[in-house]
N, C-alpha and C. Protein backbone atom coordinates (compact mmCIF):
# COMPACT_ATOMS: atom_id res chain seq x y z
N MET A 1 -6.01 11.42 6.69
CA MET A 1 -5.15 10.26 6.79
C MET A 1 -5.83 9.05 6.18
N THR A 2 -5.05 8.21 5.60
CA THR A 2 -5.61 6.99 5.03
C THR A 2 -5.61 5.89 6.08
N ALA A 3 -6.45 4.90 5.85
CA ALA A 3 -6.54 3.78 6.79
C ALA A 3 -5.24 3.01 6.86
N SER A 4 -4.48 2.97 5.76
CA SER A 4 -3.23 2.21 5.77
C SER A 4 -2.21 2.82 6.72
N LEU A 5 -2.30 4.11 6.95
CA LEU A 5 -1.38 4.74 7.88
C LEU A 5 -1.74 4.45 9.33
N ASP A 6 -2.96 4.01 9.57
CA ASP A 6 -3.41 3.70 10.92
C ASP A 6 -3.13 2.26 11.33
N LEU A 7 -2.60 1.46 10.42
CA LEU A 7 -2.33 0.06 10.73
C LEU A 7 -1.11 -0.07 11.63
N PRO A 8 -1.11 -1.09 12.50
CA PRO A 8 0.07 -1.29 13.35
C PRO A 8 1.26 -1.76 12.52
N PRO A 9 2.47 -1.55 13.01
CA PRO A 9 3.64 -2.00 12.26
C PRO A 9 3.69 -3.52 12.15
N THR A 10 4.31 -4.01 11.11
CA THR A 10 4.45 -5.44 10.89
C THR A 10 5.79 -5.90 11.44
N PRO A 11 5.85 -7.09 12.04
CA PRO A 11 7.14 -7.59 12.52
C PRO A 11 8.14 -7.73 11.37
N ASP A 12 9.40 -7.60 11.68
CA ASP A 12 10.44 -7.65 10.65
C ASP A 12 10.45 -8.95 9.86
N GLY A 13 10.15 -10.07 10.50
CA GLY A 13 10.21 -11.36 9.82
C GLY A 13 8.90 -11.78 9.17
N ALA A 14 7.90 -10.92 9.17
CA ALA A 14 6.59 -11.29 8.63
C ALA A 14 6.59 -11.32 7.11
N ASP A 15 5.77 -12.23 6.56
CA ASP A 15 5.60 -12.29 5.12
C ASP A 15 4.81 -11.08 4.65
N PRO A 16 5.06 -10.60 3.45
CA PRO A 16 4.28 -9.46 2.95
C PRO A 16 2.82 -9.85 2.75
N VAL A 17 1.94 -8.90 2.98
CA VAL A 17 0.51 -9.13 2.84
C VAL A 17 -0.02 -8.22 1.74
N ILE A 18 -0.77 -8.81 0.82
CA ILE A 18 -1.39 -8.02 -0.23
C ILE A 18 -2.89 -8.06 -0.01
N VAL A 19 -3.49 -6.92 0.14
CA VAL A 19 -4.92 -6.83 0.40
C VAL A 19 -5.69 -7.23 -0.86
N PRO A 20 -6.66 -8.16 -0.74
CA PRO A 20 -7.41 -8.59 -1.93
C PRO A 20 -8.09 -7.43 -2.67
N GLY A 21 -8.58 -6.43 -1.94
CA GLY A 21 -9.22 -5.29 -2.58
C GLY A 21 -8.25 -4.51 -3.45
N LEU A 22 -6.99 -4.47 -3.07
CA LEU A 22 -5.98 -3.79 -3.87
C LEU A 22 -5.77 -4.53 -5.19
N LEU A 23 -5.70 -5.85 -5.12
CA LEU A 23 -5.49 -6.64 -6.33
C LEU A 23 -6.65 -6.48 -7.31
N SER A 24 -7.88 -6.52 -6.79
CA SER A 24 -9.03 -6.36 -7.69
C SER A 24 -9.13 -4.92 -8.17
N GLY A 25 -8.76 -3.97 -7.34
CA GLY A 25 -8.79 -2.56 -7.75
C GLY A 25 -7.81 -2.26 -8.87
N LEU A 26 -6.71 -2.97 -8.88
CA LEU A 26 -5.72 -2.79 -9.93
C LEU A 26 -6.02 -3.64 -11.16
N GLY A 27 -7.07 -4.45 -11.08
CA GLY A 27 -7.44 -5.29 -12.21
C GLY A 27 -6.62 -6.56 -12.32
N ILE A 28 -5.88 -6.91 -11.28
CA ILE A 28 -5.05 -8.11 -11.29
C ILE A 28 -5.90 -9.35 -11.07
N THR A 29 -6.87 -9.26 -10.17
CA THR A 29 -7.80 -10.36 -9.91
C THR A 29 -9.22 -9.84 -10.15
N PRO A 30 -10.12 -10.74 -10.52
CA PRO A 30 -11.51 -10.28 -10.73
C PRO A 30 -12.19 -9.92 -9.42
N ARG A 31 -13.09 -8.97 -9.48
CA ARG A 31 -13.87 -8.61 -8.30
C ARG A 31 -14.87 -9.72 -8.02
N PRO A 32 -15.04 -10.10 -6.76
CA PRO A 32 -16.00 -11.15 -6.44
C PRO A 32 -17.43 -10.65 -6.65
N VAL A 33 -18.28 -11.51 -7.16
CA VAL A 33 -19.69 -11.20 -7.38
C VAL A 33 -20.50 -12.20 -6.57
N PRO A 34 -21.39 -11.73 -5.68
CA PRO A 34 -22.17 -12.67 -4.88
C PRO A 34 -23.03 -13.58 -5.76
N ARG A 35 -23.19 -14.82 -5.32
CA ARG A 35 -23.98 -15.79 -6.08
C ARG A 35 -25.45 -15.41 -6.15
N TRP A 36 -25.94 -14.67 -5.15
CA TRP A 36 -27.36 -14.35 -5.11
C TRP A 36 -27.76 -13.27 -6.11
N ILE A 37 -26.80 -12.65 -6.76
CA ILE A 37 -27.11 -11.68 -7.81
C ILE A 37 -27.16 -12.44 -9.13
N THR A 38 -28.34 -12.49 -9.73
CA THR A 38 -28.52 -13.31 -10.93
C THR A 38 -28.62 -12.50 -12.21
N ASP A 39 -28.91 -11.20 -12.10
CA ASP A 39 -29.04 -10.38 -13.30
C ASP A 39 -27.67 -10.24 -13.97
N PRO A 40 -27.54 -10.65 -15.23
CA PRO A 40 -26.24 -10.60 -15.91
C PRO A 40 -25.65 -9.19 -16.00
N ASP A 41 -26.48 -8.19 -16.23
CA ASP A 41 -25.96 -6.82 -16.33
C ASP A 41 -25.43 -6.33 -14.99
N THR A 42 -26.13 -6.67 -13.91
CA THR A 42 -25.66 -6.28 -12.57
C THR A 42 -24.37 -7.01 -12.23
N ARG A 43 -24.30 -8.29 -12.55
CA ARG A 43 -23.08 -9.06 -12.29
C ARG A 43 -21.89 -8.47 -13.04
N GLU A 44 -22.12 -8.07 -14.28
CA GLU A 44 -21.04 -7.48 -15.07
C GLU A 44 -20.62 -6.13 -14.48
N ALA A 45 -21.59 -5.32 -14.04
CA ALA A 45 -21.26 -4.02 -13.45
C ALA A 45 -20.44 -4.18 -12.17
N ILE A 46 -20.75 -5.19 -11.38
CA ILE A 46 -19.97 -5.46 -10.16
C ILE A 46 -18.57 -5.91 -10.54
N ALA A 47 -18.47 -6.83 -11.49
CA ALA A 47 -17.16 -7.34 -11.91
C ALA A 47 -16.27 -6.24 -12.48
N LEU A 48 -16.88 -5.25 -13.14
CA LEU A 48 -16.11 -4.14 -13.71
C LEU A 48 -15.81 -3.04 -12.69
N GLY A 49 -16.44 -3.12 -11.52
CA GLY A 49 -16.16 -2.14 -10.47
C GLY A 49 -17.09 -0.95 -10.46
N PHE A 50 -18.16 -0.98 -11.26
CA PHE A 50 -19.11 0.13 -11.26
C PHE A 50 -20.02 0.11 -10.04
N ILE A 51 -20.21 -1.08 -9.46
CA ILE A 51 -21.01 -1.25 -8.26
C ILE A 51 -20.15 -2.00 -7.26
N THR A 52 -20.12 -1.54 -6.02
CA THR A 52 -19.39 -2.25 -4.98
C THR A 52 -20.38 -2.87 -4.00
N ILE A 53 -20.05 -4.05 -3.53
CA ILE A 53 -20.88 -4.77 -2.58
C ILE A 53 -20.10 -4.86 -1.27
N ASP A 54 -20.76 -4.47 -0.18
CA ASP A 54 -20.14 -4.55 1.14
C ASP A 54 -19.84 -6.01 1.47
N ASP A 55 -18.74 -6.25 2.16
CA ASP A 55 -18.35 -7.62 2.52
C ASP A 55 -19.42 -8.34 3.32
N ALA A 56 -20.23 -7.62 4.08
CA ALA A 56 -21.28 -8.25 4.88
C ALA A 56 -22.31 -8.94 4.00
N PHE A 57 -22.43 -8.53 2.74
CA PHE A 57 -23.41 -9.11 1.84
C PHE A 57 -22.81 -10.14 0.89
N MET A 58 -21.53 -10.42 1.02
CA MET A 58 -20.88 -11.34 0.10
C MET A 58 -21.20 -12.79 0.41
N GLY A 59 -21.54 -13.11 1.64
CA GLY A 59 -21.84 -14.50 2.00
C GLY A 59 -20.57 -15.31 2.13
N ASP A 60 -20.74 -16.61 2.28
CA ASP A 60 -19.62 -17.52 2.44
C ASP A 60 -19.04 -17.83 1.06
N ARG A 61 -17.86 -17.38 0.79
CA ARG A 61 -17.23 -17.61 -0.52
C ARG A 61 -16.75 -19.03 -0.68
N ASN A 62 -16.65 -19.76 0.43
CA ASN A 62 -16.15 -21.13 0.37
C ASN A 62 -17.26 -22.15 0.16
N ALA A 63 -18.51 -21.70 0.18
CA ALA A 63 -19.64 -22.65 0.05
C ALA A 63 -19.82 -23.08 -1.37
């Protein structure tokens, strides 16, 4: 089973939600690259999706 099937139902009047990971996975939005990664080749590999970074290591994106 996929995780999306385990989600609770959404109320009928709720606005649709698009998961940010889905948008970046489809290439619609760029993948976020943590600021602490300075190597240009590593940054490019993350942006292209060859390397994934766990959200716990992303830091505060609003800073």
